[in-house]
Amino acid sequence: MLFDNWNPFFDVAKTLEEFDRMFGAVGRPIGLRSVPRGTFPPINLYNQDDRAVLVAELPGLEAKDIDLTVLGDSVTLKCERKEQAAENERFYRKERAAGTFTRTVTLPDTVDPDSVKATYRNGLLSVEMEKVQEARAKKIKIKS
């Protein structure tokens, strides 16, 4: 029989990757892999009052190695993650990518570049950007 030598516990990750390859998105929970595999850095972008907040995971980097640019309604992150091992070392498994990475994200509203505040702590970059006055929600008082 075809499945006589199959051991489901041999490498669960490899098995899941094969299922992904064979079945695509069928049966997958929504949002499980909403960005392509290998997208770096992974980010969260959310609205908080009159500002947009972006949080990016950048482990193993220093703040001086991160280039952050905000222009209108987009944010661009550039960084370089250096290879940890020497060239002549043999890898048994290599999942951490190295090299130069650039990621540009379009924001839902235009932000004021002069208001941007960025902090980097414990591998997390947090960027707070105030929306321009025209993009902010405004309460309208109704007269009766």
C-alpha atoms as a PDB file:
ATOM      1  CA  MET A   1       0.000   0.000   0.000  1.00  0.00           C
ATOM      2  CA  LEU A   2       1.141   3.567  -0.706  1.00  0.00           C
ATOM      3  CA  PHE A   3       0.947   4.803   2.921  1.00  0.00           C
ATOM      4  CA  ASP A   4       2.814   1.922   4.623  1.00  0.00           C
ATOM      5  CA  ASN A   5       5.973   3.974   5.249  1.00  0.00           C
ATOM      6  CA  TRP A   6       4.280   7.286   6.025  1.00  0.00           C
ATOM      7  CA  ASN A   7       4.869   8.637   9.537  1.00  0.00           C
ATOM      8  CA  PRO A   8       2.682  11.675  10.282  1.00  0.00           C
ATOM      9  CA  PHE A   9       4.894  12.751  13.194  1.00  0.00           C
ATOM     10  CA  PHE A  10       8.151  12.736  11.216  1.00  0.00           C
ATOM     11  CA  ASP A  11       7.987  16.387  10.246  1.00  0.00           C
ATOM     12  CA  VAL A  12       4.649  18.055  10.894  1.00  0.00           C
ATOM     13  CA  ALA A  13       5.700  21.326   9.250  1.00  0.00           C
ATOM     14  CA  LYS A  14       6.690  19.542   6.057  1.00  0.00           C
ATOM     15  CA  THR A  15       3.378  17.690   6.034  1.00  0.00           C
ATOM     16  CA  LEU A  16       1.454  20.963   6.442  1.00  0.00           C
ATOM     17  CA  GLU A  17       3.430  22.555   3.620  1.00  0.00           C
ATOM     18  CA  GLU A  18       2.528  19.618   1.367  1.00  0.00           C
ATOM     19  CA  PHE A  19      -1.157  20.033   2.242  1.00  0.00           C
ATOM     20  CA  ASP A  20      -0.882  23.757   1.461  1.00  0.00           C
ATOM     21  CA  ARG A  21       0.730  22.965  -1.872  1.00  0.00           C
ATOM     22  CA  MET A  22      -1.874  20.345  -2.802  1.00  0.00           C
ATOM     23  CA  PHE A  23      -5.049  22.056  -1.593  1.00  0.00           C
ATOM     24  CA  GLY A  24      -4.170  25.755  -1.708  1.00  0.00           C
ATOM     25  CA  ALA A  25      -6.457  27.856   0.455  1.00  0.00           C
ATOM     26  CA  VAL A  26      -9.233  25.252   0.723  1.00  0.00           C
ATOM     27  CA  GLY A  27     -10.091  24.517   4.332  1.00  0.00           C
ATOM     28  CA  ARG A  28      -7.629  27.044   5.731  1.00  0.00           C
ATOM     29  CA  PRO A  29      -8.882  29.441   8.425  1.00  0.00           C
ATOM     30  CA  ILE A  30      -9.220  32.995   7.141  1.00  0.00           C
ATOM     31  CA  GLY A  31      -6.162  35.074   7.965  1.00  0.00           C
ATOM     32  CA  LEU A  32      -3.864  32.162   8.784  1.00  0.00           C
ATOM     33  CA  ARG A  33      -1.541  33.179   5.992  1.00  0.00           C
ATOM     34  CA  SER A  34      -2.893  36.502   4.838  1.00  0.00           C
ATOM     35  CA  VAL A  35       0.513  37.628   3.562  1.00  0.00           C
ATOM     36  CA  PRO A  36       2.850  35.609   1.392  1.00  0.00           C
ATOM     37  CA  ARG A  37       5.213  33.309   3.216  1.00  0.00           C
ATOM     38  CA  GLY A  38       8.555  34.980   3.805  1.00  0.00           C
ATOM     39  CA  THR A  39       7.165  38.538   3.927  1.00  0.00           C
ATOM     40  CA  PHE A  40       9.515  40.484   6.162  1.00  0.00           C
ATOM     41  CA  PRO A  41       9.014  42.247   8.413  1.00  0.00           C
ATOM     42  CA  PRO A  42       5.606  41.073   9.614  1.00  0.00           C
ATOM     43  CA  ILE A  43       3.477  44.063  10.630  1.00  0.00           C
ATOM     44  CA  ASN A  44       0.250  45.097  12.296  1.00  0.00           C
ATOM     45  CA  LEU A  45      -1.385  48.344  11.187  1.00  0.00           C
ATOM     46  CA  TYR A  46      -4.328  49.782  13.078  1.00  0.00           C
ATOM     47  CA  ASN A  47      -6.287  52.968  13.717  1.00  0.00           C
ATOM     48  CA  GLN A  48      -6.104  54.645  17.136  1.00  0.00           C
ATOM     49  CA  ASP A  49      -8.162  57.833  17.533  1.00  0.00           C
ATOM     50  CA  ASP A  50      -6.683  60.407  15.115  1.00  0.00           C
ATOM     51  CA  ARG A  51      -3.572  58.442  14.238  1.00  0.00           C
ATOM     52  CA  ALA A  52      -2.395  55.299  12.500  1.00  0.00           C
ATOM     53  CA  VAL A  53      -0.108  52.904  14.363  1.00  0.00           C
ATOM     54  CA  LEU A  54       2.233  50.444  12.689  1.00  0.00           C
ATOM     55  CA  VAL A  55       4.050  47.747  14.673  1.00  0.00           C
ATOM     56  CA  ALA A  56       6.741  45.715  12.919  1.00  0.00           C
ATOM     57  CA  GLU A  57       8.700  42.698  14.171  1.00  0.00           C
ATOM     58  CA  LEU A  58      12.416  43.256  13.506  1.00  0.00           C
ATOM     59  CA  PRO A  59      14.283  40.818  15.756  1.00  0.00           C
ATOM     60  CA  GLY A  60      18.056  40.856  15.823  1.00  0.00           C
ATOM     61  CA  LEU A  61      18.408  44.399  14.503  1.00  0.00           C
ATOM     62  CA  GLU A  62      19.479  47.647  16.095  1.00  0.00           C
ATOM     63  CA  ALA A  63      17.574  50.909  15.731  1.00  0.00           C
ATOM     64  CA  LYS A  64      20.409  52.442  13.697  1.00  0.00           C
ATOM     65  CA  ASP A  65      20.014  49.664  11.085  1.00  0.00           C
ATOM     66  CA  ILE A  66      16.365  50.529  10.339  1.00  0.00           C
ATOM     67  CA  ASP A  67      15.470  53.124   7.703  1.00  0.00           C
ATOM     68  CA  LEU A  68      11.924  54.476   8.117  1.00  0.00           C
ATOM     69  CA  THR A  69      10.331  56.779   5.526  1.00  0.00           C
ATOM     70  CA  VAL A  70       6.812  58.255   5.690  1.00  0.00           C
ATOM     71  CA  LEU A  71       5.411  60.010   2.635  1.00  0.00           C
ATOM     72  CA  GLY A  72       1.754  60.986   2.319  1.00  0.00           C
ATOM     73  CA  ASP A  73      -0.188  57.752   2.726  1.00  0.00           C
ATOM     74  CA  SER A  74       2.693  55.266   2.694  1.00  0.00           C
ATOM     75  CA  VAL A  75       5.339  53.956   5.070  1.00  0.00           C
ATOM     76  CA  THR A  76       8.546  52.295   3.886  1.00  0.00           C
ATOM     77  CA  LEU A  77      10.820  50.176   6.065  1.00  0.00           C
ATOM     78  CA  LYS A  78      14.295  49.234   4.872  1.00  0.00           C
ATOM     79  CA  CYS A  79      16.727  47.122   6.826  1.00  0.00           C
ATOM     80  CA  GLU A  80      19.482  44.584   6.429  1.00  0.00           C
ATOM     81  CA  ARG A  81      19.705  41.409   8.447  1.00  0.00           C
ATOM     82  CA  LYS A  82      23.225  40.029   8.343  1.00  0.00           C
ATOM     83  CA  GLU A  83      24.016  36.314   8.068  1.00  0.00           C
ATOM     84  CA  GLN A  84      24.806  34.823  11.488  1.00  0.00           C
ATOM     85  CA  ALA A  85      26.961  31.900  10.370  1.00  0.00           C
ATOM     86  CA  ALA A  86      30.241  31.705   8.515  1.00  0.00           C
ATOM     87  CA  GLU A  87      30.134  30.872   4.800  1.00  0.00           C
ATOM     88  CA  ASN A  88      31.697  27.426   5.172  1.00  0.00           C
ATOM     89  CA  GLU A  89      29.213  26.184   7.779  1.00  0.00           C
ATOM     90  CA  ARG A  90      26.740  23.516   6.739  1.00  0.00           C
ATOM     91  CA  PHE A  91      23.100  24.211   7.541  1.00  0.00           C
ATOM     92  CA  TYR A  92      20.762  21.390   8.491  1.00  0.00           C
ATOM     93  CA  ARG A  93      17.831  23.778   8.300  1.00  0.00           C
ATOM     94  CA  LYS A  94      17.800  27.441   7.316  1.00  0.00           C
ATOM     95  CA  GLU A  95      14.562  29.336   7.872  1.00  0.00           C
ATOM     96  CA  ARG A  96      15.834  32.799   8.871  1.00  0.00           C
ATOM     97  CA  ALA A  97      16.401  34.853   5.764  1.00  0.00           C
ATOM     98  CA  ALA A  98      19.287  37.300   5.583  1.00  0.00           C
ATOM     99  CA  GLY A  99      19.917  40.257   3.333  1.00  0.00           C
ATOM    100  CA  THR A 100      18.343  43.622   2.556  1.00  0.00           C
ATOM    101  CA  PHE A 101      14.594  43.937   3.016  1.00  0.00           C
ATOM    102  CA  THR A 102      12.219  46.677   1.915  1.00  0.00           C
ATOM    103  CA  ARG A 103       8.525  46.813   2.729  1.00  0.00           C
ATOM    104  CA  THR A 104       6.148  49.597   1.733  1.00  0.00           C
ATOM    105  CA  VAL A 105       2.655  49.742   3.203  1.00  0.00           C
ATOM    106  CA  THR A 106      -0.143  51.989   2.011  1.00  0.00           C
ATOM    107  CA  LEU A 107      -2.002  53.650   4.875  1.00  0.00           C
ATOM    108  CA  PRO A 108      -5.779  54.119   4.836  1.00  0.00           C
ATOM    109  CA  ASP A 109      -5.350  57.901   5.336  1.00  0.00           C
ATOM    110  CA  THR A 110      -2.736  60.567   4.664  1.00  0.00           C
ATOM    111  CA  VAL A 111      -0.527  61.281   7.672  1.00  0.00           C
ATOM    112  CA  ASP A 112       1.539  64.268   8.749  1.00  0.00           C
ATOM    113  CA  PRO A 113       5.216  63.286   8.331  1.00  0.00           C
ATOM    114  CA  ASP A 114       6.255  65.844  10.971  1.00  0.00           C
ATOM    115  CA  SER A 115       4.123  64.099  13.607  1.00  0.00           C
ATOM    116  CA  VAL A 116       5.668  60.637  13.244  1.00  0.00           C
ATOM    117  CA  LYS A 117       7.062  59.098  16.433  1.00  0.00           C
ATOM    118  CA  ALA A 118       8.982  55.821  16.225  1.00  0.00           C
ATOM    119  CA  THR A 119      10.317  53.658  19.053  1.00  0.00           C
ATOM    120  CA  TYR A 120      12.254  50.410  18.850  1.00  0.00           C
ATOM    121  CA  ARG A 121      12.359  48.096  21.843  1.00  0.00           C
ATOM    122  CA  ASN A 122      12.845  44.341  22.220  1.00  0.00           C
ATOM    123  CA  GLY A 123      12.713  43.738  18.468  1.00  0.00           C
ATOM    124  CA  LEU A 124       9.457  45.661  17.942  1.00  0.00           C
ATOM    125  CA  LEU A 125       9.300  48.883  15.971  1.00  0.00           C
ATOM    126  CA  SER A 126       6.268  50.997  16.872  1.00  0.00           C
ATOM    127  CA  VAL A 127       5.396  53.932  14.602  1.00  0.00           C
ATOM    128  CA  GLU A 128       2.652  56.403  15.533  1.00  0.00           C
ATOM    129  CA  MET A 129       1.510  58.768  12.766  1.00  0.00           C
ATOM    130  CA  GLU A 130      -1.084  61.507  13.196  1.00  0.00           C
ATOM    131  CA  LYS A 131      -3.561  61.848  10.363  1.00  0.00           C
ATOM    132  CA  VAL A 132      -3.674  65.161   8.519  1.00  0.00           C
ATOM    133  CA  GLN A 133      -6.533  67.397   9.605  1.00  0.00           C
ATOM    134  CA  GLU A 134      -8.556  66.642   6.450  1.00  0.00           C
ATOM    135  CA  ALA A 135      -8.411  62.872   7.093  1.00  0.00           C
ATOM    136  CA  ARG A 136      -9.587  63.029  10.703  1.00  0.00           C
ATOM    137  CA  ALA A 137     -13.147  62.190  11.577  1.00  0.00           C
ATOM    138  CA  LYS A 138     -15.086  65.257  12.618  1.00  0.00           C
ATOM    139  CA  LYS A 139     -18.196  65.232  14.778  1.00  0.00           C
ATOM    140  CA  ILE A 140     -20.929  67.382  13.340  1.00  0.00           C
ATOM    141  CA  LYS A 141     -23.359  69.012  15.743  1.00  0.00           C
ATOM    142  CA  ILE A 142     -26.908  68.710  14.444  1.00  0.00           C
ATOM    143  CA  LYS A 143     -29.170  71.679  15.022  1.00  0.00           C
ATOM    144  CA  SER A 144     -32.845  71.190  15.490  1.00  0.00           C
END
